[in-house]
Protein backbone atom coordinates (compact mmCIF):
# COMPACT_ATOMS: atom_id res chain seq x y z
CA MET A 1 203.67 282.79 214.87
CA ILE A 2 201.94 279.70 213.61
CA LYS A 3 200.66 278.96 210.14
CA ALA A 4 197.09 278.23 209.75
CA LEU A 5 194.76 277.37 206.73
CA CYS A 6 191.86 279.79 206.25
CA LYS A 7 188.49 277.94 205.83
CA ASN A 8 187.26 280.87 203.81
CA CYS A 9 189.88 281.62 201.22
CA HIS A 10 191.84 278.46 201.76
CA GLN A 11 195.11 280.35 201.95
CA TRP A 12 197.89 279.95 204.52
CA THR A 13 198.13 282.63 207.08
CA ASN A 14 200.10 283.70 210.18
CA ARG A 15 198.23 283.58 213.48
CA VAL A 16 199.16 284.18 217.09
CA GLY A 17 196.68 281.54 218.50
CA LEU A 18 194.03 283.68 219.92
CA GLU A 19 190.21 283.35 219.15
CA THR A 20 190.17 286.77 217.48
CA ASP A 21 192.90 285.90 214.84
CA ARG A 22 191.82 286.78 211.27
CA CYS A 23 192.94 285.85 207.95
CA GLU A 24 195.78 288.12 206.28
CA HIS A 25 194.00 287.76 202.86
CA CYS A 26 190.21 287.80 203.47
CA ASN A 27 189.94 288.99 207.01
CA GLU A 28 187.80 286.12 208.08
CA LEU A 29 187.87 284.90 211.69
CA LEU A 30 190.07 281.65 211.83
CA ASP A 31 188.47 280.09 215.02
CA GLU A 32 184.79 281.42 214.54
CA HIS A 33 183.51 277.97 215.95
CA ARG A 34 185.41 278.55 219.30
CA ILE A 35 183.70 282.04 219.62
CA SER A 36 180.24 280.71 218.78
CA TYR A 37 180.79 277.72 221.13
CA ARG A 38 181.78 279.91 224.05
CA LYS A 39 178.78 282.08 223.47
CA VAL A 40 176.35 279.09 223.50
CA LYS A 41 178.13 277.72 226.56
CA HIS A 42 177.66 281.17 228.28
CA LYS A 43 174.02 281.17 227.28
CA ILE A 44 173.43 277.62 228.83
CA LYS A 45 175.24 278.69 232.04
CA GLU A 46 173.14 281.81 232.47
CA LYS A 47 169.95 279.75 231.79
CA SER A 48 170.85 277.14 234.44
CA GLU A 49 171.82 279.79 237.00
CA SER A 50 168.47 281.68 236.31
CA GLU A 51 166.47 278.35 236.85
CA SER A 52 168.33 277.60 240.15
CA LEU A 53 166.12 278.05 243.27
CA LEU A 54 168.86 279.75 245.07
CA PHE A 55 169.45 282.30 242.16
CA VAL A 56 168.74 285.82 243.73
CA ARG A 57 166.23 287.69 241.54
CA GLU A 58 165.22 291.49 241.38
CA GLU A 59 161.76 290.62 242.28
CA ASP A 60 162.59 288.55 245.46
CA SER A 61 161.69 290.19 248.62
CA GLU A 62 164.48 291.22 251.11
CA LYS A 63 163.71 288.36 253.36
CA THR A 64 163.80 285.99 250.43
CA ARG A 65 167.22 287.22 249.32
CA LYS A 66 168.76 286.90 252.84
CA VAL A 67 167.38 283.51 253.14
CA LYS A 68 168.70 282.45 249.59
CA ARG A 69 172.27 284.07 250.51
CA PHE A 70 172.34 282.07 253.81
CA LEU A 71 171.53 278.90 252.09
CA VAL A 72 174.34 279.43 249.54
CA TYR A 73 176.87 279.84 252.32
CA ALA A 74 175.31 276.99 254.27
CA ARG A 75 175.79 274.69 251.32
CA VAL A 76 179.42 275.54 250.94
CA LEU A 77 179.97 275.30 254.77
CA PHE A 78 178.51 271.87 254.57
CA PHE A 79 180.76 270.56 251.85
CA ILE A 80 183.55 271.99 253.70
CA LEU A 81 182.70 270.30 256.79
CA LEU A 82 181.92 267.04 254.90
CA PHE A 83 185.39 267.04 253.34
CA LEU A 84 187.03 267.67 256.73
CA VAL A 85 185.19 264.93 258.39
CA SER A 86 185.80 262.51 255.60
CA ALA A 87 189.59 263.50 255.64
CA ILE A 88 189.67 262.74 259.53
CA ILE A 89 188.00 259.52 259.19
CA PHE A 90 190.34 258.58 256.25
CA LEU A 91 193.46 259.66 258.10
CA SER A 92 192.56 257.94 261.45
CA HIS A 93 192.10 254.59 259.68
CA GLY A 94 195.06 254.84 257.62
């Protein structure tokens, strides 16, 4: 157990270290800013994913979905191959 100062009632309280820890005196969240930060970060991630050209949407046709899935796999394969070629070049000149 760790002692923490509650920002609401300004009393010391025991805590475990989780985001959901609450003050023993006023029942206020001790790390409310961590929870709100995580929610904002999650919303930004969802927005950027939905704006991506390769994001598969419900309104996409079946052909478009297949092409997008293929391009996602092709992109991953490209970076794997790029890494392997770079490693081979690096090791051969070492």
